[in-house]
Amino acid sequence: MSKKTFKKSEGTSLVSIIGDEDTVTGFLLTGIGEKNIKGETNFLVVDSSMQIHYFSKPTQN
């Protein structure tokens, strides 16, 4: 079993996505998915039942 190490990269850009399940899945298949040391991901799947305040908070970090 391999152990994943986290390195801070210089000169890179953070990419994140907020979208429906199909859109987010497509982006994750291209390899943009990431989980940091705190367990936070750079993607969020939303649907029509979610309220705006729920998914606007992650973009404020």
N, C-alpha and C. Protein backbone atom coordinates (compact mmCIF):
# COMPACT_ATOMS: atom_id res chain seq x y z
N MET A 1 0.84 -1.17 0.00
CA MET A 1 0.00 0.00 0.00
C MET A 1 0.89 1.24 0.00
N SER A 2 0.61 2.17 -0.88
CA SER A 2 1.45 3.36 -0.97
C SER A 2 0.94 4.46 -0.04
N LYS A 3 1.87 5.30 0.36
CA LYS A 3 1.53 6.43 1.23
C LYS A 3 1.65 7.69 0.39
N LYS A 4 0.59 8.50 0.39
CA LYS A 4 0.60 9.72 -0.39
C LYS A 4 1.17 10.86 0.45
N THR A 5 2.12 11.56 -0.12
CA THR A 5 2.69 12.71 0.57
C THR A 5 2.19 13.98 -0.10
N PHE A 6 2.06 15.02 0.69
CA PHE A 6 1.59 16.29 0.18
C PHE A 6 2.75 17.26 0.10
N LYS A 7 2.90 17.86 -1.05
CA LYS A 7 3.97 18.83 -1.26
C LYS A 7 3.35 20.15 -1.71
N LYS A 8 3.90 21.23 -1.22
CA LYS A 8 3.46 22.54 -1.68
C LYS A 8 4.23 22.86 -2.95
N SER A 9 3.51 23.06 -4.02
CA SER A 9 4.14 23.35 -5.31
C SER A 9 4.22 24.85 -5.53
N GLU A 10 5.33 25.29 -6.02
CA GLU A 10 5.51 26.69 -6.35
C GLU A 10 5.12 26.91 -7.81
N GLY A 11 4.46 28.02 -8.08
CA GLY A 11 4.13 28.37 -9.45
C GLY A 11 2.99 27.58 -10.06
N THR A 12 2.12 27.02 -9.26
CA THR A 12 0.98 26.29 -9.79
C THR A 12 -0.30 27.05 -9.48
N SER A 13 -1.35 26.72 -10.19
CA SER A 13 -2.65 27.35 -9.99
C SER A 13 -3.63 26.33 -9.44
N LEU A 14 -4.53 26.79 -8.59
CA LEU A 14 -5.56 25.92 -8.05
C LEU A 14 -6.76 25.94 -8.98
N VAL A 15 -7.26 24.77 -9.33
CA VAL A 15 -8.45 24.64 -10.15
C VAL A 15 -9.50 23.97 -9.29
N SER A 16 -10.70 24.51 -9.30
CA SER A 16 -11.80 23.88 -8.57
C SER A 16 -13.05 23.93 -9.44
N ILE A 17 -14.03 23.12 -9.08
CA ILE A 17 -15.26 23.08 -9.87
C ILE A 17 -16.46 22.90 -8.96
N ILE A 18 -17.53 23.61 -9.29
CA ILE A 18 -18.83 23.44 -8.65
C ILE A 18 -19.80 23.17 -9.79
N GLY A 19 -20.49 22.03 -9.76
CA GLY A 19 -21.39 21.70 -10.85
C GLY A 19 -22.25 20.50 -10.55
N ASP A 20 -23.04 20.11 -11.55
CA ASP A 20 -23.88 18.93 -11.37
C ASP A 20 -23.00 17.67 -11.42
N GLU A 21 -23.60 16.55 -11.09
CA GLU A 21 -22.82 15.31 -10.96
C GLU A 21 -22.09 14.92 -12.24
N ASP A 22 -22.75 15.04 -13.38
CA ASP A 22 -22.11 14.65 -14.65
C ASP A 22 -20.93 15.55 -14.99
N THR A 23 -21.10 16.84 -14.79
CA THR A 23 -20.02 17.79 -15.09
C THR A 23 -18.81 17.57 -14.20
N VAL A 24 -19.06 17.45 -12.89
CA VAL A 24 -17.96 17.24 -11.95
C VAL A 24 -17.26 15.92 -12.23
N THR A 25 -18.02 14.88 -12.52
CA THR A 25 -17.42 13.58 -12.84
C THR A 25 -16.50 13.69 -14.05
N GLY A 26 -16.93 14.40 -15.07
CA GLY A 26 -16.10 14.59 -16.26
C GLY A 26 -14.78 15.27 -15.94
N PHE A 27 -14.84 16.32 -15.12
CA PHE A 27 -13.60 17.01 -14.74
C PHE A 27 -12.72 16.13 -13.87
N LEU A 28 -13.32 15.35 -12.97
CA LEU A 28 -12.53 14.46 -12.13
C LEU A 28 -11.83 13.39 -12.96
N LEU A 29 -12.48 12.92 -14.00
CA LEU A 29 -11.86 11.93 -14.88
C LEU A 29 -10.66 12.51 -15.64
N THR A 30 -10.62 13.82 -15.82
CA THR A 30 -9.47 14.45 -16.47
C THR A 30 -8.31 14.64 -15.51
N GLY A 31 -8.56 14.44 -14.22
CA GLY A 31 -7.46 14.49 -13.25
C GLY A 31 -7.37 15.73 -12.40
N ILE A 32 -8.42 16.56 -12.34
CA ILE A 32 -8.31 17.77 -11.52
C ILE A 32 -8.63 17.53 -10.06
N GLY A 33 -9.14 16.36 -9.71
CA GLY A 33 -9.52 16.09 -8.32
C GLY A 33 -8.35 16.12 -7.37
N GLU A 34 -8.54 16.76 -6.22
CA GLU A 34 -7.47 16.88 -5.25
C GLU A 34 -8.06 16.94 -3.85
N LYS A 35 -7.34 16.40 -2.90
CA LYS A 35 -7.72 16.46 -1.50
C LYS A 35 -6.51 16.93 -0.72
N ASN A 36 -6.66 17.99 0.07
CA ASN A 36 -5.50 18.52 0.79
C ASN A 36 -5.32 17.82 2.14
N ILE A 37 -4.36 18.26 2.90
CA ILE A 37 -4.04 17.64 4.19
C ILE A 37 -5.23 17.70 5.14
N LYS A 38 -6.01 18.78 5.06
CA LYS A 38 -7.19 18.95 5.93
C LYS A 38 -8.37 18.10 5.48
N GLY A 39 -8.25 17.43 4.35
CA GLY A 39 -9.33 16.60 3.83
C GLY A 39 -10.32 17.36 2.96
N GLU A 40 -9.98 18.61 2.62
CA GLU A 40 -10.85 19.43 1.78
C GLU A 40 -10.60 19.08 0.31
N THR A 41 -11.68 18.99 -0.45
CA THR A 41 -11.56 18.70 -1.87
C THR A 41 -11.71 19.97 -2.69
N ASN A 42 -11.32 19.91 -3.94
CA ASN A 42 -11.44 21.06 -4.83
C ASN A 42 -12.63 20.93 -5.77
N PHE A 43 -13.63 20.15 -5.37
CA PHE A 43 -14.83 20.00 -6.18
C PHE A 43 -16.06 19.88 -5.27
N LEU A 44 -17.21 20.26 -5.82
CA LEU A 44 -18.47 20.19 -5.09
C LEU A 44 -19.57 19.86 -6.07
N VAL A 45 -20.32 18.80 -5.78
CA VAL A 45 -21.46 18.42 -6.60
C VAL A 45 -22.70 19.07 -6.00
N VAL A 46 -23.44 19.80 -6.83
CA VAL A 46 -24.66 20.47 -6.38
C VAL A 46 -25.85 20.00 -7.20
N ASP A 47 -27.04 20.19 -6.64
CA ASP A 47 -28.27 19.93 -7.38
C ASP A 47 -29.25 21.07 -7.13
N SER A 48 -30.40 21.00 -7.74
CA SER A 48 -31.36 22.11 -7.67
C SER A 48 -31.95 22.31 -6.28
N SER A 49 -31.83 21.34 -5.39
CA SER A 49 -32.40 21.48 -4.05
C SER A 49 -31.46 22.21 -3.08
N MET A 50 -30.21 22.46 -3.48
CA MET A 50 -29.25 23.14 -2.61
C MET A 50 -29.46 24.64 -2.65
N GLN A 51 -29.26 25.28 -1.51
CA GLN A 51 -29.39 26.73 -1.45
C GLN A 51 -28.04 27.38 -1.72
N ILE A 52 -28.08 28.59 -2.26
CA ILE A 52 -26.86 29.28 -2.70
C ILE A 52 -25.83 29.43 -1.60
N HIS A 53 -26.24 29.74 -0.38
CA HIS A 53 -25.27 29.97 0.69
C HIS A 53 -24.44 28.72 0.99
N TYR A 54 -24.96 27.52 0.68
CA TYR A 54 -24.22 26.29 0.95
C TYR A 54 -22.99 26.18 0.07
N PHE A 55 -23.12 26.47 -1.20
CA PHE A 55 -21.97 26.28 -2.09
C PHE A 55 -21.23 27.55 -2.43
N SER A 56 -21.63 28.69 -1.94
CA SER A 56 -20.85 29.91 -2.17
C SER A 56 -19.76 30.08 -1.13
N LYS A 57 -19.88 29.45 0.03
CA LYS A 57 -18.88 29.57 1.08
C LYS A 57 -17.51 29.02 0.68
N PRO A 58 -17.39 27.84 0.03
CA PRO A 58 -16.06 27.33 -0.33
C PRO A 58 -15.27 28.27 -1.23
N THR A 59 -15.93 29.08 -2.03
CA THR A 59 -15.21 29.97 -2.93
C THR A 59 -14.63 31.18 -2.22
N GLN A 60 -14.99 31.39 -0.97
CA GLN A 60 -14.49 32.54 -0.22
C GLN A 60 -13.16 32.26 0.44
N ASN A 61 -12.68 31.02 0.42
CA ASN A 61 -11.39 30.67 1.06
C ASN A 61 -10.24 31.13 0.22
